[in-house]
N, C-alpha and C. Protein backbone atom coordinates (compact mmCIF):
# COMPACT_ATOMS: atom_id res chain seq x y z
N MET A 1 5.16 -15.87 -6.42
CA MET A 1 4.22 -14.70 -6.53
C MET A 1 4.76 -13.54 -5.68
N MET A 2 4.62 -12.30 -6.19
CA MET A 2 5.11 -11.16 -5.55
C MET A 2 4.01 -10.90 -4.43
N HIS A 3 4.57 -10.40 -3.26
CA HIS A 3 3.83 -10.13 -2.03
C HIS A 3 3.93 -8.62 -1.77
N ILE A 4 2.83 -7.85 -1.49
CA ILE A 4 2.88 -6.40 -1.14
C ILE A 4 2.24 -6.35 0.11
N LYS A 5 2.92 -5.37 0.88
CA LYS A 5 2.21 -4.95 2.21
C LYS A 5 1.62 -3.55 1.98
N TYR A 6 0.33 -3.54 2.54
CA TYR A 6 -0.36 -2.24 2.31
C TYR A 6 -0.75 -1.80 3.78
N TYR A 7 -0.05 -0.68 4.21
CA TYR A 7 -0.13 -0.06 5.49
C TYR A 7 -1.35 0.93 5.56
N THR A 8 -2.31 0.81 6.46
CA THR A 8 -3.42 1.56 6.44
C THR A 8 -3.87 1.80 7.91
N ARG A 9 -5.04 2.45 8.07
CA ARG A 9 -5.75 2.53 9.27
C ARG A 9 -7.23 2.67 9.07
N PRO A 10 -8.06 2.41 10.09
CA PRO A 10 -9.59 2.68 9.80
C PRO A 10 -9.84 4.11 9.68
N ASN A 11 -10.94 4.38 8.94
CA ASN A 11 -11.43 5.66 8.73
C ASN A 11 -10.48 6.63 8.02
N CYS A 12 -9.88 6.07 7.23
CA CYS A 12 -8.81 6.88 6.34
C CYS A 12 -9.23 6.85 4.92
N SER A 13 -9.89 7.98 4.45
CA SER A 13 -10.52 8.04 3.13
C SER A 13 -9.37 7.84 1.99
N LEU A 14 -8.09 8.42 2.23
CA LEU A 14 -7.16 8.36 1.32
C LEU A 14 -6.74 6.76 1.21
N CYS A 15 -6.67 6.17 2.32
CA CYS A 15 -6.33 4.73 2.32
C CYS A 15 -7.30 3.91 1.60
N THR A 16 -8.64 4.18 1.69
CA THR A 16 -9.63 3.48 0.98
C THR A 16 -9.42 3.71 -0.51
N GLU A 17 -9.28 4.95 -0.96
CA GLU A 17 -8.96 5.21 -2.37
C GLU A 17 -7.70 4.57 -2.87
N GLY A 18 -6.66 4.55 -1.99
CA GLY A 18 -5.43 3.87 -2.34
C GLY A 18 -5.57 2.40 -2.63
N LEU A 19 -6.40 1.76 -1.84
CA LEU A 19 -6.62 0.35 -1.94
C LEU A 19 -7.38 0.01 -3.23
N VAL A 20 -8.37 0.85 -3.66
CA VAL A 20 -9.00 0.68 -4.99
C VAL A 20 -8.07 0.81 -6.05
N THR A 21 -7.06 1.79 -5.94
CA THR A 21 -6.13 1.92 -7.01
C THR A 21 -5.15 0.66 -7.08
N LEU A 22 -4.78 0.29 -5.92
CA LEU A 22 -3.85 -1.04 -5.74
C LEU A 22 -4.56 -2.19 -6.33
N GLN A 23 -5.94 -2.33 -6.13
CA GLN A 23 -6.70 -3.49 -6.63
C GLN A 23 -6.80 -3.38 -8.19
N LEU A 24 -6.87 -2.24 -8.67
CA LEU A 24 -6.85 -1.98 -10.14
C LEU A 24 -5.51 -2.45 -10.79
N VAL A 25 -4.43 -2.16 -10.11
CA VAL A 25 -3.22 -2.61 -10.68
C VAL A 25 -3.01 -4.10 -10.54
N GLN A 26 -3.65 -4.73 -9.50
CA GLN A 26 -3.65 -6.17 -9.15
C GLN A 26 -4.34 -6.94 -10.39
N GLU A 27 -5.20 -6.22 -11.02
CA GLU A 27 -6.02 -6.84 -12.17
C GLU A 27 -4.95 -7.16 -13.46
N ASP A 28 -3.88 -6.28 -13.38
CA ASP A 28 -2.90 -6.45 -14.54
C ASP A 28 -1.56 -7.04 -13.97
N ARG A 29 -1.35 -7.12 -12.85
CA ARG A 29 -0.04 -7.59 -12.27
C ARG A 29 -0.38 -8.78 -11.21
N ASN A 30 0.35 -9.83 -11.12
CA ASN A 30 0.23 -10.86 -10.31
C ASN A 30 0.82 -10.68 -8.90
N PHE A 31 0.06 -10.37 -7.88
CA PHE A 31 0.58 -10.16 -6.61
C PHE A 31 -0.36 -10.21 -5.56
N THR A 32 -0.03 -10.73 -4.26
CA THR A 32 -0.90 -10.67 -3.13
C THR A 32 -0.73 -9.48 -2.36
N VAL A 33 -1.86 -9.07 -1.67
CA VAL A 33 -1.80 -7.85 -0.84
C VAL A 33 -2.08 -8.29 0.78
N GLU A 34 -1.14 -7.86 1.51
CA GLU A 34 -1.40 -7.91 2.99
C GLU A 34 -1.66 -6.63 3.56
N ILE A 35 -2.94 -6.44 3.98
CA ILE A 35 -3.42 -5.25 4.59
C ILE A 35 -2.99 -5.13 6.04
N ILE A 36 -2.33 -4.13 6.41
CA ILE A 36 -1.79 -4.04 7.86
C ILE A 36 -2.27 -2.80 8.41
N ASN A 37 -3.06 -2.94 9.58
CA ASN A 37 -3.55 -1.78 10.26
C ASN A 37 -2.42 -1.27 11.25
N ILE A 38 -1.88 -0.14 10.99
CA ILE A 38 -0.91 0.49 11.81
C ILE A 38 -1.26 0.81 13.29
N GLU A 39 -2.56 0.94 13.46
CA GLU A 39 -3.00 1.25 14.84
C GLU A 39 -2.92 -0.09 15.75
N LYS A 40 -2.55 -1.14 15.21
CA LYS A 40 -2.44 -2.32 16.09
C LYS A 40 -0.98 -2.63 16.41
N ASP A 41 -0.03 -1.74 15.98
CA ASP A 41 1.43 -1.91 16.22
C ASP A 41 1.93 -0.50 16.55
N GLU A 42 2.46 -0.23 17.72
CA GLU A 42 2.84 1.09 18.08
C GLU A 42 3.94 1.49 17.31
N ALA A 43 4.94 0.68 16.87
CA ALA A 43 6.17 1.05 16.06
C ALA A 43 5.71 1.36 14.73
N LEU A 44 4.89 0.57 14.22
CA LEU A 44 4.23 0.82 12.77
C LEU A 44 3.44 2.21 12.74
N HIS A 45 2.83 2.48 13.90
CA HIS A 45 1.90 3.76 13.90
C HIS A 45 2.86 4.87 13.89
N GLU A 46 3.99 4.82 14.61
CA GLU A 46 4.88 5.91 14.75
C GLU A 46 5.55 6.11 13.44
N LYS A 47 5.97 5.16 12.66
CA LYS A 47 6.66 5.12 11.43
C LYS A 47 5.85 5.67 10.42
N TYR A 48 4.52 5.21 10.34
CA TYR A 48 3.75 5.42 9.05
C TYR A 48 2.63 6.41 9.34
N MET A 49 2.32 6.89 10.40
CA MET A 49 1.07 7.72 10.74
C MET A 49 1.01 8.83 9.81
N LEU A 50 1.97 9.51 9.49
CA LEU A 50 1.85 10.71 8.57
C LEU A 50 1.98 10.34 7.10
N MET A 51 2.24 9.05 6.80
CA MET A 51 2.51 8.64 5.43
C MET A 51 1.39 7.82 4.82
N ILE A 52 0.52 7.27 5.50
CA ILE A 52 -0.40 6.27 5.03
C ILE A 52 -1.28 6.86 3.95
N PRO A 53 -1.74 6.06 3.02
CA PRO A 53 -1.38 4.60 2.86
C PRO A 53 0.06 4.38 2.30
N VAL A 54 0.59 3.34 2.71
CA VAL A 54 1.94 2.98 2.36
C VAL A 54 1.94 1.67 1.50
N VAL A 55 2.56 1.60 0.40
CA VAL A 55 2.72 0.27 -0.40
C VAL A 55 4.15 -0.06 -0.24
N GLU A 56 4.48 -1.25 0.20
CA GLU A 56 5.77 -1.83 0.33
C GLU A 56 5.99 -3.07 -0.41
N LYS A 57 7.10 -3.28 -1.08
CA LYS A 57 7.50 -4.39 -1.78
C LYS A 57 8.90 -4.85 -1.33
N ASP A 58 9.08 -6.02 -0.85
CA ASP A 58 10.51 -6.45 -0.46
C ASP A 58 11.09 -5.54 0.48
N SER A 59 10.37 -4.95 1.49
CA SER A 59 10.91 -3.91 2.50
C SER A 59 11.22 -2.65 1.94
N ASP A 60 10.85 -2.38 0.83
CA ASP A 60 11.03 -1.00 0.05
C ASP A 60 9.78 -0.41 -0.09
N ILE A 61 9.59 0.84 0.32
CA ILE A 61 8.38 1.68 0.12
C ILE A 61 8.33 2.05 -1.43
N ILE A 62 7.27 1.55 -2.04
CA ILE A 62 7.05 1.71 -3.42
C ILE A 62 6.33 3.19 -3.61
N GLN A 63 5.38 3.46 -2.90
CA GLN A 63 4.64 4.68 -2.92
C GLN A 63 3.89 4.89 -1.51
N TYR A 64 3.63 6.13 -1.32
CA TYR A 64 2.74 6.49 -0.08
C TYR A 64 1.90 7.80 -0.35
N GLY A 65 0.99 7.90 0.52
CA GLY A 65 0.15 9.00 0.30
C GLY A 65 -0.89 8.82 -0.72
N ALA A 66 -1.00 9.79 -1.63
CA ALA A 66 -1.98 9.68 -2.73
C ALA A 66 -1.35 8.67 -3.82
N LEU A 67 -1.88 7.55 -3.91
CA LEU A 67 -1.32 6.62 -4.80
C LEU A 67 -1.81 6.79 -6.22
N ASP A 68 -1.06 6.54 -7.26
CA ASP A 68 -1.43 6.59 -8.57
C ASP A 68 -1.06 5.34 -9.37
N TYR A 69 -2.01 4.97 -10.33
CA TYR A 69 -1.92 3.79 -11.15
C TYR A 69 -0.66 3.59 -11.81
N VAL A 70 -0.13 4.64 -12.48
CA VAL A 70 0.98 4.52 -13.39
C VAL A 70 2.32 4.14 -12.54
N THR A 71 2.45 4.87 -11.41
CA THR A 71 3.65 4.68 -10.56
C THR A 71 3.70 3.25 -10.02
N LEU A 72 2.48 2.69 -9.60
CA LEU A 72 2.37 1.38 -9.03
C LEU A 72 2.54 0.42 -10.18
N MET A 73 2.07 0.55 -11.25
CA MET A 73 2.24 -0.39 -12.44
C MET A 73 3.75 -0.46 -12.74
N GLU A 74 4.39 0.58 -12.88
CA GLU A 74 5.84 0.56 -13.07
C GLU A 74 6.61 -0.13 -12.05
N ALA A 75 6.38 0.15 -10.78
CA ALA A 75 7.00 -0.44 -9.60
C ALA A 75 6.85 -1.85 -9.45
N LEU A 76 5.62 -2.31 -9.83
CA LEU A 76 5.26 -3.65 -9.71
C LEU A 76 5.25 -4.53 -11.02
N GLY A 77 5.91 -3.90 -12.03
CA GLY A 77 6.09 -4.60 -13.25
C GLY A 77 6.74 -5.91 -13.10
N GLU A 78 6.40 -6.81 -13.97
CA GLU A 78 7.02 -8.18 -13.86
C GLU A 78 8.34 -8.28 -14.66
């Protein structure tokens, strides 16, 4: 099964919206989501603080910022 990392942080409205979009894609694609709070890791915070939310698959960034269903569906296609 495919595994996706979702980088986020608390009180981020764009992250909340992005997670809803990712969950909609998850209804049509088979994958697990690991939600990672960047505020718990200084290196991740520095790397992603201006990009969140970030969707990563196999160490590659699929999309970040304002997430959209079509881009995620294509990137996570089986």
